[in-house]
Amino acid sequence: DGLIVDGGSPSFKALALLFAPPEVHPYIEQYMHDPYSVEEALPRLN
């Protein structure tokens, strides 16, 4: 019936990009894949 998203980031990848130095962002974008995430789940909620 309800979901509480408290202090959440959109995804694990988003967390990685938030804390990583810019020089490693291309590796994160290419090699990191989220097994599940808030941003992927929300559109599936009806």
All heavy atoms as atom14 arrays in JSON, in Angstrom:
{
  "sequence": "DGLIVDGGSPSFKALALLFAPPEVHPYIEQYMHDPYSVEEALPRLN",
  "atom14_mask": [
    [1, 1, 1, 1, 1, 1, 1, 1, 0, 0, 0, 0, 0, 0],
    [1, 1, 1, 1, 0, 0, 0, 0, 0, 0, 0, 0, 0, 0],
    [1, 1, 1, 1, 1, 1, 1, 1, 0, 0, 0, 0, 0, 0],
    [1, 1, 1, 1, 1, 1, 1, 1, 0, 0, 0, 0, 0, 0],
    [1, 1, 1, 1, 1, 1, 1, 0, 0, 0, 0, 0, 0, 0],
    [1, 1, 1, 1, 1, 1, 1, 1, 0, 0, 0, 0, 0, 0],
    [1, 1, 1, 1, 0, 0, 0, 0, 0, 0, 0, 0, 0, 0],
    [1, 1, 1, 1, 0, 0, 0, 0, 0, 0, 0, 0, 0, 0],
    [1, 1, 1, 1, 1, 1, 0, 0, 0, 0, 0, 0, 0, 0],
    [1, 1, 1, 1, 1, 1, 1, 0, 0, 0, 0, 0, 0, 0],
    [1, 1, 1, 1, 1, 1, 0, 0, 0, 0, 0, 0, 0, 0],
    [1, 1, 1, 1, 1, 1, 1, 1, 1, 1, 1, 0, 0, 0],
    [1, 1, 1, 1, 1, 1, 1, 1, 1, 0, 0, 0, 0, 0],
    [1, 1, 1, 1, 1, 0, 0, 0, 0, 0, 0, 0, 0, 0],
    [1, 1, 1, 1, 1, 1, 1, 1, 0, 0, 0, 0, 0, 0],
    [1, 1, 1, 1, 1, 0, 0, 0, 0, 0, 0, 0, 0, 0],
    [1, 1, 1, 1, 1, 1, 1, 1, 0, 0, 0, 0, 0, 0],
    [1, 1, 1, 1, 1, 1, 1, 1, 0, 0, 0, 0, 0, 0],
    [1, 1, 1, 1, 1, 1, 1, 1, 1, 1, 1, 0, 0, 0],
    [1, 1, 1, 1, 1, 0, 0, 0, 0, 0, 0, 0, 0, 0],
    [1, 1, 1, 1, 1, 1, 1, 0, 0, 0, 0, 0, 0, 0],
    [1, 1, 1, 1, 1, 1, 1, 0, 0, 0, 0, 0, 0, 0],
    [1, 1, 1, 1, 1, 1, 1, 1, 1, 0, 0, 0, 0, 0],
    [1, 1, 1, 1, 1, 1, 1, 0, 0, 0, 0, 0, 0, 0],
    [1, 1, 1, 1, 1, 1, 1, 1, 1, 1, 0, 0, 0, 0],
    [1, 1, 1, 1, 1, 1, 1, 0, 0, 0, 0, 0, 0, 0],
    [1, 1, 1, 1, 1, 1, 1, 1, 1, 1, 1, 1, 0, 0],
    [1, 1, 1, 1, 1, 1, 1, 1, 0, 0, 0, 0, 0, 0],
    [1, 1, 1, 1, 1, 1, 1, 1, 1, 0, 0, 0, 0, 0],
    [1, 1, 1, 1, 1, 1, 1, 1, 1, 0, 0, 0, 0, 0],
    [1, 1, 1, 1, 1, 1, 1, 1, 1, 1, 1, 1, 0, 0],
    [1, 1, 1, 1, 1, 1, 1, 1, 0, 0, 0, 0, 0, 0],
    [1, 1, 1, 1, 1, 1, 1, 1, 1, 1, 0, 0, 0, 0],
    [1, 1, 1, 1, 1, 1, 1, 1, 0, 0, 0, 0, 0, 0],
    [1, 1, 1, 1, 1, 1, 1, 0, 0, 0, 0, 0, 0, 0],
    [1, 1, 1, 1, 1, 1, 1, 1, 1, 1, 1, 1, 0, 0],
    [1, 1, 1, 1, 1, 1, 0, 0, 0, 0, 0, 0, 0, 0],
    [1, 1, 1, 1, 1, 1, 1, 0, 0, 0, 0, 0, 0, 0],
    [1, 1, 1, 1, 1, 1, 1, 1, 1, 0, 0, 0, 0, 0],
    [1, 1, 1, 1, 1, 1, 1, 1, 1, 0, 0, 0, 0, 0],
    [1, 1, 1, 1, 1, 0, 0, 0, 0, 0, 0, 0, 0, 0],
    [1, 1, 1, 1, 1, 1, 1, 1, 0, 0, 0, 0, 0, 0],
    [1, 1, 1, 1, 1, 1, 1, 0, 0, 0, 0, 0, 0, 0],
    [1, 1, 1, 1, 1, 1, 1, 1, 1, 1, 1, 0, 0, 0],
    [1, 1, 1, 1, 1, 1, 1, 1, 0, 0, 0, 0, 0, 0],
    [1, 1, 1, 1, 1, 1, 1, 1, 0, 0, 0, 0, 0, 0]
  ],
  "atom14_positions": [
    [[0.81, -1.22, 0.0], [0.0, 0.0, 0.0], [0.84, 1.27, 0.0], [0.42, 2.28, -0.55], [-0.92, -0.01, 1.23], [-1.86, -1.19, 1.22], [-2.91, -1.1, 0.55], [-1.54, -2.22, 1.84], [0.0, 0.0, 0.0], [0.0, 0.0, 0.0], [0.0, 0.0, 0.0], [0.0, 0.0, 0.0], [0.0, 0.0, 0.0], [0.0, 0.0, 0.0]],
    [[2.02, 1.21, 0.64], [2.84, 2.41, 0.72], [4.32, 2.11, 0.71], [4.76, 1.05, 1.14], [0.0, 0.0, 0.0], [0.0, 0.0, 0.0], [0.0, 0.0, 0.0], [0.0, 0.0, 0.0], [0.0, 0.0, 0.0], [0.0, 0.0, 0.0], [0.0, 0.0, 0.0], [0.0, 0.0, 0.0], [0.0, 0.0, 0.0], [0.0, 0.0, 0.0]],
    [[5.09, 3.05, 0.2], [6.55, 2.98, 0.17], [7.1, 4.28, 0.72], [6.66, 5.37, 0.31], [7.05, 2.76, -1.27], [8.55, 2.93, -1.52], [9.35, 1.83, -0.8], [8.86, 2.91, -3.02], [0.0, 0.0, 0.0], [0.0, 0.0, 0.0], [0.0, 0.0, 0.0], [0.0, 0.0, 0.0], [0.0, 0.0, 0.0], [0.0, 0.0, 0.0]],
    [[8.06, 4.19, 1.65], [8.73, 5.37, 2.18], [10.16, 5.37, 1.66], [10.92, 4.43, 1.89], [8.74, 5.38, 3.72], [7.31, 5.32, 4.27], [9.46, 6.63, 4.23], [7.24, 5.17, 5.78], [0.0, 0.0, 0.0], [0.0, 0.0, 0.0], [0.0, 0.0, 0.0], [0.0, 0.0, 0.0], [0.0, 0.0, 0.0], [0.0, 0.0, 0.0]],
    [[10.53, 6.42, 0.94], [11.88, 6.6, 0.41], [12.53, 7.69, 1.25], [12.31, 8.88, 1.04], [11.85, 6.98, -1.08], [13.26, 7.22, -1.61], [11.15, 5.9, -1.9], [0.0, 0.0, 0.0], [0.0, 0.0, 0.0], [0.0, 0.0, 0.0], [0.0, 0.0, 0.0], [0.0, 0.0, 0.0], [0.0, 0.0, 0.0], [0.0, 0.0, 0.0]],
    [[13.32, 7.28, 2.24], [13.9, 8.2, 3.22], [15.4, 8.37, 2.97], [16.19, 7.45, 3.18], [13.66, 7.64, 4.63], [14.08, 8.61, 5.74], [14.66, 9.66, 5.44], [13.8, 8.3, 6.92], [0.0, 0.0, 0.0], [0.0, 0.0, 0.0], [0.0, 0.0, 0.0], [0.0, 0.0, 0.0], [0.0, 0.0, 0.0], [0.0, 0.0, 0.0]],
    [[15.8, 9.55, 2.5], [17.21, 9.84, 2.28], [17.81, 9.02, 1.16], [19.0, 8.71, 1.18], [0.0, 0.0, 0.0], [0.0, 0.0, 0.0], [0.0, 0.0, 0.0], [0.0, 0.0, 0.0], [0.0, 0.0, 0.0], [0.0, 0.0, 0.0], [0.0, 0.0, 0.0], [0.0, 0.0, 0.0], [0.0, 0.0, 0.0], [0.0, 0.0, 0.0]],
    [[17.0, 8.69, 0.17], [17.46, 7.79, -0.88], [18.1, 8.49, -2.07], [17.83, 9.65, -2.36], [0.0, 0.0, 0.0], [0.0, 0.0, 0.0], [0.0, 0.0, 0.0], [0.0, 0.0, 0.0], [0.0, 0.0, 0.0], [0.0, 0.0, 0.0], [0.0, 0.0, 0.0], [0.0, 0.0, 0.0], [0.0, 0.0, 0.0], [0.0, 0.0, 0.0]],
    [[18.97, 7.73, -2.74], [19.55, 8.15, -4.02], [18.78, 7.44, -5.13], [18.17, 6.39, -4.89], [21.03, 7.75, -4.06], [21.6, 8.03, -5.32], [0.0, 0.0, 0.0], [0.0, 0.0, 0.0], [0.0, 0.0, 0.0], [0.0, 0.0, 0.0], [0.0, 0.0, 0.0], [0.0, 0.0, 0.0], [0.0, 0.0, 0.0], [0.0, 0.0, 0.0]],
    [[18.79, 7.97, -6.36], [18.09, 7.28, -7.44], [18.55, 5.85, -7.67], [17.76, 4.99, -8.05], [18.38, 8.17, -8.66], [18.61, 9.53, -8.08], [19.32, 9.28, -6.79], [0.0, 0.0, 0.0], [0.0, 0.0, 0.0], [0.0, 0.0, 0.0], [0.0, 0.0, 0.0], [0.0, 0.0, 0.0], [0.0, 0.0, 0.0], [0.0, 0.0, 0.0]],
    [[19.85, 5.57, -7.47], [20.38, 4.24, -7.77], [21.76, 4.09, -7.14], [22.37, 5.06, -6.67], [20.5, 4.04, -9.29], [21.46, 4.94, -9.83], [0.0, 0.0, 0.0], [0.0, 0.0, 0.0], [0.0, 0.0, 0.0], [0.0, 0.0, 0.0], [0.0, 0.0, 0.0], [0.0, 0.0, 0.0], [0.0, 0.0, 0.0], [0.0, 0.0, 0.0]],
    [[22.29, 2.86, -7.17], [23.66, 2.64, -6.72], [24.64, 3.37, -7.64], [25.64, 3.92, -7.19], [23.97, 1.14, -6.71], [23.19, 0.34, -5.7], [22.28, -0.62, -6.09], [23.37, 0.57, -4.34], [21.57, -1.36, -5.17], [22.66, -0.16, -3.4], [21.75, -1.13, -3.81], [0.0, 0.0, 0.0], [0.0, 0.0, 0.0], [0.0, 0.0, 0.0]],
    [[24.35, 3.36, -8.93], [25.24, 4.05, -9.87], [25.25, 5.55, -9.58], [26.31, 6.19, -9.64], [24.81, 3.8, -11.32], [25.69, 4.52, -12.33], [25.26, 4.25, -13.77], [25.73, 2.9, -14.23], [25.55, 2.7, -15.7], [0.0, 0.0, 0.0], [0.0, 0.0, 0.0], [0.0, 0.0, 0.0], [0.0, 0.0, 0.0], [0.0, 0.0, 0.0]],
    [[24.09, 6.11, -9.26], [24.02, 7.53, -8.93], [24.87, 7.84, -7.7], [25.54, 8.88, -7.63], [22.58, 7.96, -8.71], [0.0, 0.0, 0.0], [0.0, 0.0, 0.0], [0.0, 0.0, 0.0], [0.0, 0.0, 0.0], [0.0, 0.0, 0.0], [0.0, 0.0, 0.0], [0.0, 0.0, 0.0], [0.0, 0.0, 0.0], [0.0, 0.0, 0.0]],
    [[24.86, 6.94, -6.72], [25.72, 7.11, -5.55], [27.19, 7.12, -5.95], [27.98, 7.93, -5.46], [25.48, 5.97, -4.55], [24.34, 6.13, -3.55], [24.2, 4.85, -2.74], [24.57, 7.32, -2.64], [0.0, 0.0, 0.0], [0.0, 0.0, 0.0], [0.0, 0.0, 0.0], [0.0, 0.0, 0.0], [0.0, 0.0, 0.0], [0.0, 0.0, 0.0]],
    [[27.53, 6.19, -6.83], [28.92, 6.11, -7.28], [29.35, 7.4, -7.97], [30.41, 7.95, -7.7], [29.09, 4.91, -8.22], [0.0, 0.0, 0.0], [0.0, 0.0, 0.0], [0.0, 0.0, 0.0], [0.0, 0.0, 0.0], [0.0, 0.0, 0.0], [0.0, 0.0, 0.0], [0.0, 0.0, 0.0], [0.0, 0.0, 0.0], [0.0, 0.0, 0.0]],
    [[28.52, 7.89, -8.87], [28.85, 9.11, -9.6], [28.92, 10.31, -8.67], [29.7, 11.25, -8.89], [27.82, 9.35, -10.69], [27.84, 8.35, -11.86], [26.61, 8.53, -12.74], [29.12, 8.5, -12.68], [0.0, 0.0, 0.0], [0.0, 0.0, 0.0], [0.0, 0.0, 0.0], [0.0, 0.0, 0.0], [0.0, 0.0, 0.0], [0.0, 0.0, 0.0]],
    [[28.12, 10.29, -7.61], [28.1, 11.41, -6.67], [29.42, 11.55, -5.94], [29.93, 12.66, -5.75], [26.96, 11.2, -5.66], [26.85, 12.22, -4.53], [26.55, 13.61, -5.08], [25.76, 11.79, -3.55], [0.0, 0.0, 0.0], [0.0, 0.0, 0.0], [0.0, 0.0, 0.0], [0.0, 0.0, 0.0], [0.0, 0.0, 0.0], [0.0, 0.0, 0.0]],
    [[30.02, 10.41, -5.55], [31.22, 10.46, -4.72], [32.52, 10.26, -5.49], [33.6, 10.46, -4.94], [31.12, 9.42, -3.6], [30.1, 9.76, -2.56], [28.84, 9.18, -2.57], [30.39, 10.69, -1.57], [27.89, 9.51, -1.61], [29.44, 11.02, -0.6], [28.19, 10.43, -0.62], [0.0, 0.0, 0.0], [0.0, 0.0, 0.0], [0.0, 0.0, 0.0]],
    [[32.43, 9.87, -6.74], [33.65, 9.57, -7.5], [34.25, 10.83, -8.13], [33.53, 11.75, -8.5], [33.33, 8.58, -8.6], [0.0, 0.0, 0.0], [0.0, 0.0, 0.0], [0.0, 0.0, 0.0], [0.0, 0.0, 0.0], [0.0, 0.0, 0.0], [0.0, 0.0, 0.0], [0.0, 0.0, 0.0], [0.0, 0.0, 0.0], [0.0, 0.0, 0.0]],
    [[35.57, 10.87, -8.29], [36.19, 11.96, -9.05], [35.81, 11.84, -10.53], [35.58, 10.73, -11.03], [37.68, 11.73, -8.83], [37.82, 10.3, -8.46], [36.57, 9.93, -7.73], [0.0, 0.0, 0.0], [0.0, 0.0, 0.0], [0.0, 0.0, 0.0], [0.0, 0.0, 0.0], [0.0, 0.0, 0.0], [0.0, 0.0, 0.0], [0.0, 0.0, 0.0]],
    [[35.73, 12.95, -11.23], [35.27, 12.93, -12.62], [36.05, 12.0, -13.53], [35.48, 11.44, -14.47], [35.44, 14.39, -13.07], [35.38, 15.18, -11.81], [36.01, 14.32, -10.75], [0.0, 0.0, 0.0], [0.0, 0.0, 0.0], [0.0, 0.0, 0.0], [0.0, 0.0, 0.0], [0.0, 0.0, 0.0], [0.0, 0.0, 0.0], [0.0, 0.0, 0.0]],
    [[37.34, 11.78, -13.25], [38.15, 10.97, -14.16], [37.72, 9.5, -14.21], [38.07, 8.81, -15.16], [39.64, 11.07, -13.79], [39.98, 10.68, -12.37], [39.99, 11.85, -11.43], [39.3, 12.87, -11.72], [40.68, 11.77, -10.4], [0.0, 0.0, 0.0], [0.0, 0.0, 0.0], [0.0, 0.0, 0.0], [0.0, 0.0, 0.0], [0.0, 0.0, 0.0]],
    [[36.99, 9.04, -13.21], [36.56, 7.64, -13.26], [35.09, 7.5, -13.64], [34.57, 6.38, -13.73], [36.84, 6.9, -11.92], [38.32, 6.86, -11.64], [36.07, 7.55, -10.78], [0.0, 0.0, 0.0], [0.0, 0.0, 0.0], [0.0, 0.0, 0.0], [0.0, 0.0, 0.0], [0.0, 0.0, 0.0], [0.0, 0.0, 0.0], [0.0, 0.0, 0.0]],
    [[34.41, 8.6, -13.9], [33.0, 8.51, -14.3], [32.79, 7.63, -15.53], [31.8, 6.89, -15.59], [32.43, 9.91, -14.52], [32.12, 10.63, -13.24], [31.26, 11.71, -13.17], [32.55, 10.4, -11.96], [31.18, 12.12, -11.91], [31.97, 11.36, -11.17], [0.0, 0.0, 0.0], [0.0, 0.0, 0.0], [0.0, 0.0, 0.0], [0.0, 0.0, 0.0]],
    [[33.66, 7.7, -16.55], [33.43, 6.82, -17.71], [33.43, 5.34, -17.35], [32.67, 4.55, -17.94], [34.6, 7.16, -18.64], [34.98, 8.56, -18.27], [34.78, 8.63, -16.79], [0.0, 0.0, 0.0], [0.0, 0.0, 0.0], [0.0, 0.0, 0.0], [0.0, 0.0, 0.0], [0.0, 0.0, 0.0], [0.0, 0.0, 0.0], [0.0, 0.0, 0.0]],
    [[34.25, 4.92, -16.39], [34.27, 3.52, -15.97], [32.98, 3.15, -15.27], [32.44, 2.05, -15.46], [35.47, 3.26, -15.06], [36.8, 3.49, -15.73], [37.56, 4.61, -15.42], [37.28, 2.59, -16.68], [38.77, 4.84, -16.05], [38.49, 2.81, -17.31], [39.25, 3.93, -16.99], [40.44, 4.15, -17.62], [0.0, 0.0, 0.0], [0.0, 0.0, 0.0]],
    [[32.48, 4.06, -14.45], [31.23, 3.81, -13.75], [30.09, 3.66, -14.75], [29.28, 2.72, -14.67], [30.92, 4.96, -12.77], [32.01, 5.05, -11.71], [29.56, 4.78, -12.12], [31.95, 6.32, -10.89], [0.0, 0.0, 0.0], [0.0, 0.0, 0.0], [0.0, 0.0, 0.0], [0.0, 0.0, 0.0], [0.0, 0.0, 0.0], [0.0, 0.0, 0.0]],
    [[30.02, 4.58, -15.7], [28.96, 4.55, -16.69], [29.0, 3.26, -17.52], [27.96, 2.69, -17.86], [29.07, 5.77, -17.63], [28.83, 7.1, -16.95], [27.36, 7.34, -16.64], [26.53, 6.44, -16.88], [27.04, 8.45, -16.15], [0.0, 0.0, 0.0], [0.0, 0.0, 0.0], [0.0, 0.0, 0.0], [0.0, 0.0, 0.0], [0.0, 0.0, 0.0]],
    [[30.19, 2.79, -17.83], [30.31, 1.62, -18.7], [30.18, 0.3, -17.95], [29.57, -0.64, -18.46], [31.66, 1.65, -19.43], [31.82, 0.51, -20.43], [33.07, 0.67, -21.27], [33.81, 1.64, -21.13], [33.31, -0.29, -22.15], [0.0, 0.0, 0.0], [0.0, 0.0, 0.0], [0.0, 0.0, 0.0], [0.0, 0.0, 0.0], [0.0, 0.0, 0.0]],
    [[30.74, 0.22, -16.75], [30.88, -1.09, -16.1], [29.94, -1.34, -14.93], [29.78, -2.49, -14.52], [32.32, -1.28, -15.62], [33.33, -1.3, -16.73], [34.43, -0.44, -16.71], [33.18, -2.16, -17.82], [35.37, -0.45, -17.73], [34.11, -2.17, -18.84], [35.2, -1.32, -18.8], [36.12, -1.33, -19.81], [0.0, 0.0, 0.0], [0.0, 0.0, 0.0]],
    [[29.33, -0.32, -14.38], [28.46, -0.53, -13.23], [27.02, -0.66, -13.65], [26.51, 0.17, -14.4], [28.62, 0.61, -12.22], [29.93, 0.54, -11.48], [29.95, 1.67, -10.08], [31.51, 1.2, -9.35], [0.0, 0.0, 0.0], [0.0, 0.0, 0.0], [0.0, 0.0, 0.0], [0.0, 0.0, 0.0], [0.0, 0.0, 0.0], [0.0, 0.0, 0.0]],
    [[26.38, -1.71, -13.16], [24.98, -1.97, -13.5], [24.2, -2.24, -12.22], [24.63, -3.02, -11.37], [24.88, -3.16, -14.45], [25.69, -3.01, -15.69], [25.3, -2.22, -16.74], [26.91, -3.52, -16.03], [26.22, -2.25, -17.7], [27.21, -3.03, -17.28], [0.0, 0.0, 0.0], [0.0, 0.0, 0.0], [0.0, 0.0, 0.0], [0.0, 0.0, 0.0]],
    [[23.07, -1.6, -12.08], [22.26, -1.74, -10.88], [21.4, -3.0, -10.96], [20.62, -3.14, -11.92], [21.34, -0.53, -10.71], [22.1, 0.72, -10.35], [22.76, 0.74, -9.3], [22.05, 1.69, -11.13], [0.0, 0.0, 0.0], [0.0, 0.0, 0.0], [0.0, 0.0, 0.0], [0.0, 0.0, 0.0], [0.0, 0.0, 0.0], [0.0, 0.0, 0.0]],
    [[21.47, -3.89, -9.97], [20.58, -5.05, -9.97], [19.14, -4.65, -9.65], [18.2, -5.35, -10.0], [21.18, -5.94, -8.87], [21.86, -4.98, -7.94], [22.39, -3.88, -8.81], [0.0, 0.0, 0.0], [0.0, 0.0, 0.0], [0.0, 0.0, 0.0], [0.0, 0.0, 0.0], [0.0, 0.0, 0.0], [0.0, 0.0, 0.0], [0.0, 0.0, 0.0]],
    [[18.98, -3.54, -8.94], [17.67, -2.97, -8.63], [17.92, -1.53, -8.2], [19.02, -1.18, -7.76], [16.94, -3.75, -7.53], [17.81, -4.14, -6.35], [18.06, -3.24, -5.3], [18.37, -5.41, -6.26], [18.86, -3.6, -4.22], [19.17, -5.77, -5.18], [19.4, -4.87, -4.16], [20.19, -5.23, -3.1], [0.0, 0.0, 0.0], [0.0, 0.0, 0.0]],
    [[16.92, -0.69, -8.35], [17.11, 0.72, -7.98], [15.77, 1.4, -7.79], [14.74, 0.95, -8.3], [17.91, 1.46, -9.06], [17.13, 1.63, -10.23], [0.0, 0.0, 0.0], [0.0, 0.0, 0.0], [0.0, 0.0, 0.0], [0.0, 0.0, 0.0], [0.0, 0.0, 0.0], [0.0, 0.0, 0.0], [0.0, 0.0, 0.0], [0.0, 0.0, 0.0]],
    [[15.79, 2.52, -7.07], [14.59, 3.3, -6.86], [14.07, 3.84, -8.19], [12.88, 3.75, -8.49], [14.86, 4.47, -5.88], [13.62, 5.35, -5.75], [15.29, 3.95, -4.52], [0.0, 0.0, 0.0], [0.0, 0.0, 0.0], [0.0, 0.0, 0.0], [0.0, 0.0, 0.0], [0.0, 0.0, 0.0], [0.0, 0.0, 0.0], [0.0, 0.0, 0.0]],
    [[14.96, 4.42, -9.0], [14.5, 5.05, -10.24], [13.93, 4.05, -11.23], [13.04, 4.38, -12.02], [15.63, 5.85, -10.88], [16.82, 5.05, -11.35], [17.92, 5.94, -11.93], [17.69, 7.17, -12.02], [18.99, 5.42, -12.27], [0.0, 0.0, 0.0], [0.0, 0.0, 0.0], [0.0, 0.0, 0.0], [0.0, 0.0, 0.0], [0.0, 0.0, 0.0]],
    [[14.38, 2.8, -11.18], [13.82, 1.77, -12.05], [12.5, 1.25, -11.5], [11.59, 0.9, -12.27], [14.83, 0.62, -12.19], [14.42, -0.47, -13.16], [13.52, -1.53, -12.54], [13.59, -1.74, -11.31], [12.73, -2.15, -13.29], [0.0, 0.0, 0.0], [0.0, 0.0, 0.0], [0.0, 0.0, 0.0], [0.0, 0.0, 0.0], [0.0, 0.0, 0.0]],
    [[12.36, 1.22, -10.18], [11.17, 0.64, -9.56], [9.95, 1.56, -9.61], [8.82, 1.1, -9.81], [11.48, 0.27, -8.1], [0.0, 0.0, 0.0], [0.0, 0.0, 0.0], [0.0, 0.0, 0.0], [0.0, 0.0, 0.0], [0.0, 0.0, 0.0], [0.0, 0.0, 0.0], [0.0, 0.0, 0.0], [0.0, 0.0, 0.0], [0.0, 0.0, 0.0]],
    [[10.16, 2.86, -9.42], [9.02, 3.78, -9.29], [8.06, 3.74, -10.48], [6.83, 3.75, -10.26], [9.53, 5.21, -9.06], [10.16, 5.48, -7.7], [10.66, 6.92, -7.62], [9.18, 5.22, -6.56], [0.0, 0.0, 0.0], [0.0, 0.0, 0.0], [0.0, 0.0, 0.0], [0.0, 0.0, 0.0], [0.0, 0.0, 0.0], [0.0, 0.0, 0.0]],
    [[8.53, 3.7, -11.73], [7.57, 3.68, -12.84], [6.71, 2.41, -12.88], [5.69, 2.38, -13.59], [8.48, 3.75, -14.08], [9.75, 4.35, -13.6], [9.92, 3.83, -12.2], [0.0, 0.0, 0.0], [0.0, 0.0, 0.0], [0.0, 0.0, 0.0], [0.0, 0.0, 0.0], [0.0, 0.0, 0.0], [0.0, 0.0, 0.0], [0.0, 0.0, 0.0]],
    [[7.1, 1.39, -12.12], [6.35, 0.14, -12.12], [5.26, 0.11, -11.05], [4.51, -0.86, -10.94], [7.31, -1.03, -11.91], [8.32, -1.18, -13.05], [9.55, -1.98, -12.62], [9.21, -3.3, -12.08], [10.02, -4.03, -11.32], [11.21, -3.55, -10.99], [9.63, -5.2, -10.88], [0.0, 0.0, 0.0], [0.0, 0.0, 0.0], [0.0, 0.0, 0.0]],
    [[5.17, 1.17, -10.26], [4.18, 1.24, -9.19], [2.87, 1.84, -9.7], [2.86, 2.97, -10.2], [4.7, 2.07, -8.02], [5.99, 1.59, -7.35], [6.37, 2.53, -6.21], [5.84, 0.16, -6.83], [0.0, 0.0, 0.0], [0.0, 0.0, 0.0], [0.0, 0.0, 0.0], [0.0, 0.0, 0.0], [0.0, 0.0, 0.0], [0.0, 0.0, 0.0]],
    [[1.8, 1.1, -9.55], [0.47, 1.59, -9.92], [-0.45, 1.7, -8.71], [-1.24, 2.63, -8.61], [-0.16, 0.66, -10.96], [0.61, 0.63, -12.26], [0.78, 1.67, -12.89], [1.09, -0.54, -12.67], [0.0, 0.0, 0.0], [0.0, 0.0, 0.0], [0.0, 0.0, 0.0], [0.0, 0.0, 0.0], [0.0, 0.0, 0.0], [0.0, 0.0, 0.0]]
  ]
}
